[in-house]
């Protein structure tokens, strides 16, 4: 059983539509492990998709994000920072809404 996600930031993520290179399927409910990119830097993350909503291509969702190495990642994710969601290619974009834990 995995440890609950304890977010360090709250973000708004918009997945690209399938037509412009996004996922063919939604990100299903439950824990998701992925990569967020800022400029040329990429950071491993995990977040939890609530039971009542899958994150579908083209959709926007607010999500709490936990970093694998917050001390390295958090300086790159101040409020208002924009980033990409990467899954072998860019599948979405987002921006930071709130920082819950300082580096």
PDB file of N, CA and C in Angstrom:
ATOM      1  N   UNK A   1       0.846  -1.175   0.000  1.00  0.00           N
ATOM      2  CA  UNK A   1       0.000   0.000   0.000  1.00  0.00           C
ATOM      3  C   UNK A   1       0.894   1.242   0.000  1.00  0.00           C
ATOM      4  N   UNK A   2       0.564   2.227  -0.820  1.00  0.00           N
ATOM      5  CA  UNK A   2       1.393   3.418  -0.928  1.00  0.00           C
ATOM      6  C   UNK A   2       1.062   4.411   0.182  1.00  0.00           C
ATOM      7  N   UNK A   3       2.039   5.270   0.470  1.00  0.00           N
ATOM      8  CA  UNK A   3       1.883   6.322   1.454  1.00  0.00           C
ATOM      9  C   UNK A   3       0.981   7.411   0.884  1.00  0.00           C
ATOM     10  N   UNK A   4       0.122   8.011   1.707  1.00  0.00           N
ATOM     11  CA  UNK A   4      -0.726   9.092   1.186  1.00  0.00           C
ATOM     12  C   UNK A   4       0.136  10.239   0.646  1.00  0.00           C
ATOM     13  N   UNK A   5      -0.370  10.897  -0.380  1.00  0.00           N
ATOM     14  CA  UNK A   5       0.322  12.035  -0.962  1.00  0.00           C
ATOM     15  C   UNK A   5       0.181  13.220  -0.015  1.00  0.00           C
ATOM     16  N   UNK A   6       1.310  13.823   0.361  1.00  0.00           N
ATOM     17  CA  UNK A   6       1.324  15.020   1.203  1.00  0.00           C
ATOM     18  C   UNK A   6       1.848  16.153   0.330  1.00  0.00           C
ATOM     19  N   UNK A   7       0.944  16.937  -0.259  1.00  0.00           N
ATOM     20  CA  UNK A   7       1.367  17.926  -1.254  1.00  0.00           C
ATOM     21  C   UNK A   7       2.210  19.056  -0.677  1.00  0.00           C
ATOM     22  N   UNK A   8       3.163  19.506  -1.512  1.00  0.00           N
ATOM     23  CA  UNK A   8       3.967  20.675  -1.189  1.00  0.00           C
ATOM     24  C   UNK A   8       3.477  21.913  -1.944  1.00  0.00           C
ATOM     25  N   UNK A   9       2.786  21.675  -3.070  1.00  0.00           N
ATOM     26  CA  UNK A   9       2.209  22.783  -3.843  1.00  0.00           C
ATOM     27  C   UNK A   9       0.834  22.376  -4.355  1.00  0.00           C
ATOM     28  N   UNK A  10       0.024  23.381  -4.666  1.00  0.00           N
ATOM     29  CA  UNK A  10      -1.262  23.163  -5.326  1.00  0.00           C
ATOM     30  C   UNK A  10      -1.139  23.785  -6.707  1.00  0.00           C
ATOM     31  N   UNK A  11      -1.522  23.022  -7.716  1.00  0.00           N
ATOM     32  CA  UNK A  11      -1.377  23.470  -9.100  1.00  0.00           C
ATOM     33  C   UNK A  11      -2.694  23.334  -9.848  1.00  0.00           C
ATOM     34  N   UNK A  12      -2.740  23.983 -10.990  1.00  0.00           N
ATOM     35  CA  UNK A  12      -3.830  23.799 -11.937  1.00  0.00           C
ATOM     36  C   UNK A  12      -3.205  23.185 -13.177  1.00  0.00           C
ATOM     37  N   UNK A  13      -3.658  21.995 -13.533  1.00  0.00           N
ATOM     38  CA  UNK A  13      -3.118  21.277 -14.688  1.00  0.00           C
ATOM     39  C   UNK A  13      -4.189  21.185 -15.764  1.00  0.00           C
ATOM     40  N   UNK A  14      -3.790  21.454 -17.008  1.00  0.00           N
ATOM     41  CA  UNK A  14      -4.647  21.260 -18.163  1.00  0.00           C
ATOM     42  C   UNK A  14      -3.966  20.260 -19.080  1.00  0.00           C
ATOM     43  N   UNK A  15      -4.618  19.133 -19.302  1.00  0.00           N
ATOM     44  CA  UNK A  15      -4.062  18.144 -20.233  1.00  0.00           C
ATOM     45  C   UNK A  15      -4.323  18.580 -21.664  1.00  0.00           C
ATOM     46  N   UNK A  16      -3.349  18.341 -22.527  1.00  0.00           N
ATOM     47  CA  UNK A  16      -3.534  18.607 -23.950  1.00  0.00           C
ATOM     48  C   UNK A  16      -4.581  17.641 -24.506  1.00  0.00           C
ATOM     49  N   UNK A  17      -5.271  18.064 -25.537  1.00  0.00           N
ATOM     50  CA  UNK A  17      -6.208  17.158 -26.199  1.00  0.00           C
ATOM     51  C   UNK A  17      -5.417  16.131 -27.003  1.00  0.00           C
ATOM     52  N   UNK A  18      -6.045  15.032 -27.302  1.00  0.00           N
ATOM     53  CA  UNK A  18      -5.415  13.975 -28.089  1.00  0.00           C
ATOM     54  C   UNK A  18      -4.982  14.502 -29.455  1.00  0.00           C
ATOM     55  N   UNK A  19      -5.784  15.391 -30.024  1.00  0.00           N
ATOM     56  CA  UNK A  19      -5.516  15.918 -31.369  1.00  0.00           C
ATOM     57  C   UNK A  19      -4.219  16.717 -31.444  1.00  0.00           C
ATOM     58  N   UNK A  20      -3.779  17.291 -30.342  1.00  0.00           N
ATOM     59  CA  UNK A  20      -2.535  18.072 -30.366  1.00  0.00           C
ATOM     60  C   UNK A  20      -1.388  17.348 -29.665  1.00  0.00           C
ATOM     61  N   UNK A  21      -1.518  16.031 -29.507  1.00  0.00           N
ATOM     62  CA  UNK A  21      -0.424  15.225 -28.967  1.00  0.00           C
ATOM     63  C   UNK A  21      -0.564  14.797 -27.530  1.00  0.00           C
ATOM     64  N   UNK A  22      -1.705  15.082 -26.917  1.00  0.00           N
ATOM     65  CA  UNK A  22      -1.921  14.672 -25.535  1.00  0.00           C
ATOM     66  C   UNK A  22      -2.243  13.190 -25.419  1.00  0.00           C
ATOM     67  N   UNK A  23      -2.572  12.779 -24.215  1.00  0.00           N
ATOM     68  CA  UNK A  23      -2.933  11.378 -23.951  1.00  0.00           C
ATOM     69  C   UNK A  23      -4.169  10.986 -24.744  1.00  0.00           C
ATOM     70  N   UNK A  24      -4.279   9.696 -25.033  1.00  0.00           N
ATOM     71  CA  UNK A  24      -5.494   9.180 -25.677  1.00  0.00           C
ATOM     72  C   UNK A  24      -6.568   8.906 -24.627  1.00  0.00           C
ATOM     73  N   UNK A  25      -6.131   8.598 -23.409  1.00  0.00           N
ATOM     74  CA  UNK A  25      -7.055   8.269 -22.323  1.00  0.00           C
ATOM     75  C   UNK A  25      -6.856   9.232 -21.163  1.00  0.00           C
ATOM     76  N   UNK A  26      -7.822   9.251 -20.268  1.00  0.00           N
ATOM     77  CA  UNK A  26      -7.713  10.088 -19.082  1.00  0.00           C
ATOM     78  C   UNK A  26      -6.699   9.495 -18.102  1.00  0.00           C
ATOM     79  N   UNK A  27      -6.264  10.342 -17.167  1.00  0.00           N
ATOM     80  CA  UNK A  27      -5.490   9.849 -16.030  1.00  0.00           C
ATOM     81  C   UNK A  27      -6.536   9.396 -15.021  1.00  0.00           C
ATOM     82  N   UNK A  28      -6.573   8.112 -14.709  1.00  0.00           N
ATOM     83  CA  UNK A  28      -7.647   7.608 -13.851  1.00  0.00           C
ATOM     84  C   UNK A  28      -7.473   8.028 -12.398  1.00  0.00           C
ATOM     85  N   UNK A  29      -8.540   7.847 -11.633  1.00  0.00           N
ATOM     86  CA  UNK A  29      -8.507   8.143 -10.210  1.00  0.00           C
ATOM     87  C   UNK A  29      -7.381   7.378  -9.538  1.00  0.00           C
ATOM     88  N   UNK A  30      -6.887   7.927  -8.454  1.00  0.00           N
ATOM     89  CA  UNK A  30      -5.816   7.291  -7.697  1.00  0.00           C
ATOM     90  C   UNK A  30      -4.503   8.027  -7.851  1.00  0.00           C
ATOM     91  N   UNK A  31      -3.448   7.385  -7.373  1.00  0.00           N
ATOM     92  CA  UNK A  31      -2.128   8.009  -7.399  1.00  0.00           C
ATOM     93  C   UNK A  31      -1.542   8.012  -8.800  1.00  0.00           C
ATOM     94  N   UNK A  32      -0.946   9.133  -9.175  1.00  0.00           N
ATOM     95  CA  UNK A  32      -0.278   9.288 -10.464  1.00  0.00           C
ATOM     96  C   UNK A  32       1.149   9.723 -10.191  1.00  0.00           C
ATOM     97  N   UNK A  33       2.089   9.091 -10.838  1.00  0.00           N
ATOM     98  CA  UNK A  33       3.497   9.480 -10.741  1.00  0.00           C
ATOM     99  C   UNK A  33       3.931   9.979 -12.100  1.00  0.00           C
ATOM    100  N   UNK A  34       4.535  11.146 -12.113  1.00  0.00           N
ATOM    101  CA  UNK A  34       4.920  11.737 -13.379  1.00  0.00           C
ATOM    102  C   UNK A  34       6.065  12.710 -13.224  1.00  0.00           C
ATOM    103  N   UNK A  35       6.208  13.565 -14.231  1.00  0.00           N
ATOM    104  CA  UNK A  35       7.302  14.527 -14.285  1.00  0.00           C
ATOM    105  C   UNK A  35       6.739  15.890 -14.656  1.00  0.00           C
ATOM    106  N   UNK A  36       7.145  16.916 -13.898  1.00  0.00           N
ATOM    107  CA  UNK A  36       6.824  18.298 -14.225  1.00  0.00           C
ATOM    108  C   UNK A  36       8.108  18.976 -14.665  1.00  0.00           C
ATOM    109  N   UNK A  37       8.006  19.770 -15.724  1.00  0.00           N
ATOM    110  CA  UNK A  37       9.181  20.454 -16.254  1.00  0.00           C
ATOM    111  C   UNK A  37       9.046  21.958 -16.195  1.00  0.00           C
ATOM    112  N   UNK A  38      10.128  22.621 -15.789  1.00  0.00           N
ATOM    113  CA  UNK A  38      10.223  24.076 -15.793  1.00  0.00           C
ATOM    114  C   UNK A  38      11.497  24.408 -16.565  1.00  0.00           C
ATOM    115  N   UNK A  39      11.339  25.073 -17.703  1.00  0.00           N
ATOM    116  CA  UNK A  39      12.509  25.353 -18.546  1.00  0.00           C
ATOM    117  C   UNK A  39      13.151  24.046 -18.984  1.00  0.00           C
ATOM    118  N   UNK A  40      14.429  23.872 -18.671  1.00  0.00           N
ATOM    119  CA  UNK A  40      15.142  22.643 -19.045  1.00  0.00           C
ATOM    120  C   UNK A  40      15.245  21.659 -17.877  1.00  0.00           C
ATOM    121  N   UNK A  41      14.634  21.997 -16.748  1.00  0.00           N
ATOM    122  CA  UNK A  41      14.685  21.143 -15.554  1.00  0.00           C
ATOM    123  C   UNK A  41      13.411  20.312 -15.445  1.00  0.00           C
ATOM    124  N   UNK A  42      13.560  19.054 -15.030  1.00  0.00           N
ATOM    125  CA  UNK A  42      12.415  18.153 -14.846  1.00  0.00           C
ATOM    126  C   UNK A  42      12.460  17.558 -13.444  1.00  0.00           C
ATOM    127  N   UNK A  43      11.274  17.398 -12.841  1.00  0.00           N
ATOM    128  CA  UNK A  43      11.187  16.950 -11.458  1.00  0.00           C
ATOM    129  C   UNK A  43      10.129  15.861 -11.313  1.00  0.00           C
ATOM    130  N   UNK A  44      10.497  14.786 -10.628  1.00  0.00           N
ATOM    131  CA  UNK A  44       9.569  13.678 -10.387  1.00  0.00           C
ATOM    132  C   UNK A  44       8.558  14.075  -9.319  1.00  0.00           C
ATOM    133  N   UNK A  45       7.283  13.751  -9.591  1.00  0.00           N
ATOM    134  CA  UNK A  45       6.201  14.108  -8.682  1.00  0.00           C
ATOM    135  C   UNK A  45       5.216  12.964  -8.544  1.00  0.00           C
ATOM    136  N   UNK A  46       4.354  13.132  -7.581  1.00  0.00           N
ATOM    137  CA  UNK A  46       3.168  12.275  -7.501  1.00  0.00           C
ATOM    138  C   UNK A  46       2.022  13.128  -7.014  1.00  0.00           C
ATOM    139  N   UNK A  47       0.841  12.765  -7.482  1.00  0.00           N
ATOM    140  CA  UNK A  47      -0.367  13.438  -7.017  1.00  0.00           C
ATOM    141  C   UNK A  47      -1.501  12.442  -7.061  1.00  0.00           C
ATOM    142  N   UNK A  48      -2.615  12.832  -6.471  1.00  0.00           N
ATOM    143  CA  UNK A  48      -3.755  11.933  -6.331  1.00  0.00           C
ATOM    144  C   UNK A  48      -4.955  12.509  -7.060  1.00  0.00           C
ATOM    145  N   UNK A  49      -5.510  11.736  -7.972  1.00  0.00           N
ATOM    146  CA  UNK A  49      -6.735  12.113  -8.684  1.00  0.00           C
ATOM    147  C   UNK A  49      -7.910  11.587  -7.851  1.00  0.00           C
ATOM    148  N   UNK A  50      -8.791  12.490  -7.368  1.00  0.00           N
ATOM    149  CA  UNK A  50      -9.918  12.051  -6.538  1.00  0.00           C
ATOM    150  C   UNK A  50     -10.827  11.051  -7.269  1.00  0.00           C
ATOM    151  N   UNK A  51     -11.531  10.242  -6.499  1.00  0.00           N
ATOM    152  CA  UNK A  51     -12.418   9.215  -7.045  1.00  0.00           C
ATOM    153  C   UNK A  51     -13.462   9.804  -7.982  1.00  0.00           C
ATOM    154  N   UNK A  52     -13.990  10.965  -7.644  1.00  0.00           N
ATOM    155  CA  UNK A  52     -15.082  11.522  -8.436  1.00  0.00           C
ATOM    156  C   UNK A  52     -14.638  12.162  -9.747  1.00  0.00           C
ATOM    157  N   UNK A  53     -13.331  12.228 -10.033  1.00  0.00           N
ATOM    158  CA  UNK A  53     -12.963  12.857 -11.310  1.00  0.00           C
ATOM    159  C   UNK A  53     -11.697  12.271 -11.904  1.00  0.00           C
ATOM    160  N   UNK A  54     -11.828  11.771 -13.119  1.00  0.00           N
ATOM    161  CA  UNK A  54     -10.669  11.406 -13.920  1.00  0.00           C
ATOM    162  C   UNK A  54     -10.192  12.678 -14.602  1.00  0.00           C
ATOM    163  N   UNK A  55      -8.897  12.787 -14.835  1.00  0.00           N
ATOM    164  CA  UNK A  55      -8.358  13.942 -15.543  1.00  0.00           C
ATOM    165  C   UNK A  55      -8.299  13.571 -17.019  1.00  0.00           C
ATOM    166  N   UNK A  56      -9.254  14.076 -17.797  1.00  0.00           N
ATOM    167  CA  UNK A  56      -9.390  13.707 -19.204  1.00  0.00           C
ATOM    168  C   UNK A  56      -8.633  14.665 -20.111  1.00  0.00           C
ATOM    169  N   UNK A  57      -8.222  14.210 -21.308  1.00  0.00           N
ATOM    170  CA  UNK A  57      -7.560  15.109 -22.250  1.00  0.00           C
ATOM    171  C   UNK A  57      -8.421  16.347 -22.507  1.00  0.00           C
ATOM    172  N   UNK A  58      -7.794  17.520 -22.417  1.00  0.00           N
ATOM    173  CA  UNK A  58      -8.500  18.782 -22.602  1.00  0.00           C
ATOM    174  C   UNK A  58      -9.059  19.372 -21.319  1.00  0.00           C
ATOM    175  N   UNK A  59      -9.094  18.587 -20.243  1.00  0.00           N
ATOM    176  CA  UNK A  59      -9.674  19.042 -18.975  1.00  0.00           C
ATOM    177  C   UNK A  59      -8.644  19.767 -18.117  1.00  0.00           C
ATOM    178  N   UNK A  60      -9.152  20.597 -17.201  1.00  0.00           N
ATOM    179  CA  UNK A  60      -8.321  21.314 -16.238  1.00  0.00           C
ATOM    180  C   UNK A  60      -8.739  20.891 -14.841  1.00  0.00           C
ATOM    181  N   UNK A  61      -7.750  20.682 -13.962  1.00  0.00           N
ATOM    182  CA  UNK A  61      -8.032  20.213 -12.606  1.00  0.00           C
ATOM    183  C   UNK A  61      -7.033  20.833 -11.632  1.00  0.00           C
ATOM    184  N   UNK A  62      -7.492  21.220 -10.446  1.00  0.00           N
ATOM    185  CA  UNK A  62      -6.591  21.647  -9.384  1.00  0.00           C
ATOM    186  C   UNK A  62      -6.168  20.422  -8.604  1.00  0.00           C
ATOM    187  N   UNK A  63      -4.854  20.323  -8.349  1.00  0.00           N
ATOM    188  CA  UNK A  63      -4.296  19.112  -7.744  1.00  0.00           C
ATOM    189  C   UNK A  63      -3.175  19.501  -6.792  1.00  0.00           C
ATOM    190  N   UNK A  64      -3.091  18.794  -5.665  1.00  0.00           N
ATOM    191  CA  UNK A  64      -1.947  18.923  -4.764  1.00  0.00           C
ATOM    192  C   UNK A  64      -0.830  18.012  -5.248  1.00  0.00           C
ATOM    193  N   UNK A  65       0.393  18.551  -5.308  1.00  0.00           N
ATOM    194  CA  UNK A  65       1.526  17.823  -5.872  1.00  0.00           C
ATOM    195  C   UNK A  65       2.608  17.629  -4.808  1.00  0.00           C
ATOM    196  N   UNK A  66       3.164  16.425  -4.781  1.00  0.00           N
ATOM    197  CA  UNK A  66       4.281  16.101  -3.899  1.00  0.00           C
ATOM    198  C   UNK A  66       5.501  15.785  -4.763  1.00  0.00           C
ATOM    199  N   UNK A  67       6.650  16.379  -4.428  1.00  0.00           N
ATOM    200  CA  UNK A  67       7.894  16.143  -5.162  1.00  0.00           C
ATOM    201  C   UNK A  67       8.686  15.007  -4.547  1.00  0.00           C
ATOM    202  N   UNK A  68       9.437  14.289  -5.380  1.00  0.00           N
ATOM    203  CA  UNK A  68      10.336  13.255  -4.886  1.00  0.00           C
ATOM    204  C   UNK A  68      11.463  13.904  -4.075  1.00  0.00           C
ATOM    205  N   UNK A  69      11.984  15.040  -4.566  1.00  0.00           N
ATOM    206  CA  UNK A  69      13.034  15.783  -3.877  1.00  0.00           C
ATOM    207  C   UNK A  69      12.602  17.253  -3.732  1.00  0.00           C
ATOM    208  N   UNK A  70      11.754  17.550  -2.746  1.00  0.00           N
ATOM    209  CA  UNK A  70      11.219  18.902  -2.624  1.00  0.00           C
ATOM    210  C   UNK A  70      12.284  19.973  -2.423  1.00  0.00           C
ATOM    211  N   UNK A  71      13.353  19.641  -1.719  1.00  0.00           N
ATOM    212  CA  UNK A  71      14.388  20.637  -1.465  1.00  0.00           C
ATOM    213  C   UNK A  71      15.048  21.126  -2.759  1.00  0.00           C
ATOM    214  N   UNK A  72      15.068  20.295  -3.785  1.00  0.00           N
ATOM    215  CA  UNK A  72      15.633  20.669  -5.080  1.00  0.00           C
ATOM    216  C   UNK A  72      14.559  21.314  -5.962  1.00  0.00           C
ATOM    217  N   UNK A  73      13.352  20.790  -5.928  1.00  0.00           N
ATOM    218  CA  UNK A  73      12.296  21.232  -6.841  1.00  0.00           C
ATOM    219  C   UNK A  73      11.611  22.527  -6.441  1.00  0.00           C
ATOM    220  N   UNK A  74      11.295  22.707  -5.164  1.00  0.00           N
ATOM    221  CA  UNK A  74      10.465  23.831  -4.735  1.00  0.00           C
ATOM    222  C   UNK A  74      10.968  25.210  -5.174  1.00  0.00           C
ATOM    223  N   UNK A  75      12.272  25.476  -5.191  1.00  0.00           N
ATOM    224  CA  UNK A  75      12.701  26.799  -5.663  1.00  0.00           C
ATOM    225  C   UNK A  75      12.285  27.108  -7.109  1.00  0.00           C
ATOM    226  N   UNK A  76      11.990  26.085  -7.897  1.00  0.00           N
ATOM    227  CA  UNK A  76      11.579  26.256  -9.293  1.00  0.00           C
ATOM    228  C   UNK A  76      10.067  26.425  -9.446  1.00  0.00           C
ATOM    229  N   UNK A  77       9.310  26.301  -8.343  1.00  0.00           N
ATOM    230  CA  UNK A  77       7.849  26.305  -8.400  1.00  0.00           C
ATOM    231  C   UNK A  77       7.223  27.328  -7.453  1.00  0.00           C
ATOM    232  N   UNK A  78       7.563  28.620  -7.616  1.00  0.00           N
ATOM    233  CA  UNK A  78       6.865  29.636  -6.813  1.00  0.00           C
ATOM    234  C   UNK A  78       5.454  29.837  -7.344  1.00  0.00           C
ATOM    235  N   UNK A  79       4.622  30.510  -6.573  1.00  0.00           N
ATOM    236  CA  UNK A  79       3.266  30.820  -7.027  1.00  0.00           C
ATOM    237  C   UNK A  79       3.343  31.561  -8.363  1.00  0.00           C
ATOM    238  N   UNK A  80       2.538  31.110  -9.324  1.00  0.00           N
ATOM    239  CA  UNK A  80       2.502  31.713 -10.649  1.00  0.00           C
ATOM    240  C   UNK A  80       3.415  31.052 -11.668  1.00  0.00           C
ATOM    241  N   UNK A  81       4.343  30.218 -11.214  1.00  0.00           N
ATOM    242  CA  UNK A  81       5.250  29.537 -12.152  1.00  0.00           C
ATOM    243  C   UNK A  81       4.449  28.625 -13.078  1.00  0.00           C
ATOM    244  N   UNK A  82       4.873  28.551 -14.338  1.00  0.00           N
ATOM    245  CA  UNK A  82       4.240  27.647 -15.291  1.00  0.00           C
ATOM    246  C   UNK A  82       5.163  26.465 -15.552  1.00  0.00           C
ATOM    247  N   UNK A  83       4.575  25.348 -15.928  1.00  0.00           N
ATOM    248  CA  UNK A  83       5.344  24.122 -16.130  1.00  0.00           C
ATOM    249  C   UNK A  83       4.645  23.245 -17.154  1.00  0.00           C
ATOM    250  N   UNK A  84       5.353  22.211 -17.578  1.00  0.00           N
ATOM    251  CA  UNK A  84       4.763  21.205 -18.454  1.00  0.00           C
ATOM    252  C   UNK A  84       4.601  19.906 -17.674  1.00  0.00           C
ATOM    253  N   UNK A  85       3.672  19.084 -18.136  1.00  0.00           N
ATOM    254  CA  UNK A  85       3.480  17.736 -17.599  1.00  0.00           C
ATOM    255  C   UNK A  85       4.025  16.800 -18.670  1.00  0.00           C
ATOM    256  N   UNK A  86       4.975  15.974 -18.277  1.00  0.00           N
ATOM    257  CA  UNK A  86       5.708  15.154 -19.235  1.00  0.00           C
ATOM    258  C   UNK A  86       5.463  13.677 -18.979  1.00  0.00           C
ATOM    259  N   UNK A  87       5.205  12.942 -20.039  1.00  0.00           N
ATOM    260  CA  UNK A  87       4.966  11.488 -19.965  1.00  0.00           C
ATOM    261  C   UNK A  87       5.537  10.872 -21.243  1.00  0.00           C
ATOM    262  N   UNK A  88       6.859  10.974 -21.399  1.00  0.00           N
ATOM    263  CA  UNK A  88       7.492  10.549 -22.644  1.00  0.00           C
ATOM    264  C   UNK A  88       7.420  11.637 -23.704  1.00  0.00           C
ATOM    265  N   UNK A  89       6.552  12.596 -23.492  1.00  0.00           N
ATOM    266  CA  UNK A  89       6.344  13.791 -24.313  1.00  0.00           C
ATOM    267  C   UNK A  89       5.502  14.745 -23.460  1.00  0.00           C
ATOM    268  N   UNK A  90       5.349  15.968 -23.887  1.00  0.00           N
ATOM    269  CA  UNK A  90       4.517  16.908 -23.136  1.00  0.00           C
ATOM    270  C   UNK A  90       3.050  16.520 -23.338  1.00  0.00           C
ATOM    271  N   UNK A  91       2.355  16.285 -22.220  1.00  0.00           N
ATOM    272  CA  UNK A  91       0.932  15.910 -22.285  1.00  0.00           C
ATOM    273  C   UNK A  91       0.035  16.961 -21.650  1.00  0.00           C
ATOM    274  N   UNK A  92       0.644  17.985 -21.060  1.00  0.00           N
ATOM    275  CA  UNK A  92      -0.160  19.015 -20.420  1.00  0.00           C
ATOM    276  C   UNK A  92       0.677  20.183 -19.958  1.00  0.00           C
ATOM    277  N   UNK A  93      -0.012  21.187 -19.465  1.00  0.00           N
ATOM    278  CA  UNK A  93       0.612  22.398 -18.945  1.00  0.00           C
ATOM    279  C   UNK A  93      -0.048  22.751 -17.635  1.00  0.00           C
ATOM    280  N   UNK A  94       0.649  23.550 -16.852  1.00  0.00           N
ATOM    281  CA  UNK A  94       0.050  23.961 -15.590  1.00  0.00           C
ATOM    282  C   UNK A  94       0.711  25.183 -15.019  1.00  0.00           C
ATOM    283  N   UNK A  95       0.136  25.617 -13.892  1.00  0.00           N
ATOM    284  CA  UNK A  95       0.720  26.736 -13.156  1.00  0.00           C
ATOM    285  C   UNK A  95       0.502  26.509 -11.674  1.00  0.00           C
ATOM    286  N   UNK A  96       1.405  27.070 -10.891  1.00  0.00           N
ATOM    287  CA  UNK A  96       1.361  26.910  -9.442  1.00  0.00           C
ATOM    288  C   UNK A  96       0.374  27.921  -8.859  1.00  0.00           C
ATOM    289  N   UNK A  97      -0.560  27.427  -8.050  1.00  0.00           N
ATOM    290  CA  UNK A  97      -1.554  28.272  -7.396  1.00  0.00           C
ATOM    291  C   UNK A  97      -1.163  28.614  -5.959  1.00  0.00           C
ATOM    292  N   UNK A  98      -0.506  27.663  -5.290  1.00  0.00           N
ATOM    293  CA  UNK A  98      -0.182  27.849  -3.871  1.00  0.00           C
ATOM    294  C   UNK A  98       1.018  26.994  -3.504  1.00  0.00           C
ATOM    295  N   UNK A  99       1.878  27.525  -2.646  1.00  0.00           N
ATOM    296  CA  UNK A  99       3.006  26.760  -2.100  1.00  0.00           C
ATOM    297  C   UNK A  99       2.655  26.451  -0.651  1.00  0.00           C
ATOM    298  N   UNK A 100       2.607  25.153  -0.327  1.00  0.00           N
ATOM    299  CA  UNK A 100       2.219  24.729   1.020  1.00  0.00           C
ATOM    300  C   UNK A 100       3.429  24.507   1.924  1.00  0.00           C
ATOM    301  N   UNK A 101       4.580  24.207   1.311  1.00  0.00           N
ATOM    302  CA  UNK A 101       5.802  23.920   2.081  1.00  0.00           C
ATOM    303  C   UNK A 101       6.945  24.654   1.413  1.00  0.00           C
ATOM    304  N   UNK A 102       7.700  25.407   2.196  1.00  0.00           N
ATOM    305  CA  UNK A 102       8.854  26.133   1.666  1.00  0.00           C
ATOM    306  C   UNK A 102      10.082  25.229   1.672  1.00  0.00           C
ATOM    307  N   UNK A 103      10.969  25.447   0.674  1.00  0.00           N
ATOM    308  CA  UNK A 103      12.213  24.648   0.585  1.00  0.00           C
ATOM    309  C   UNK A 103      13.142  25.023   1.714  1.00  0.00           C
TER     310      UNK A 103
END
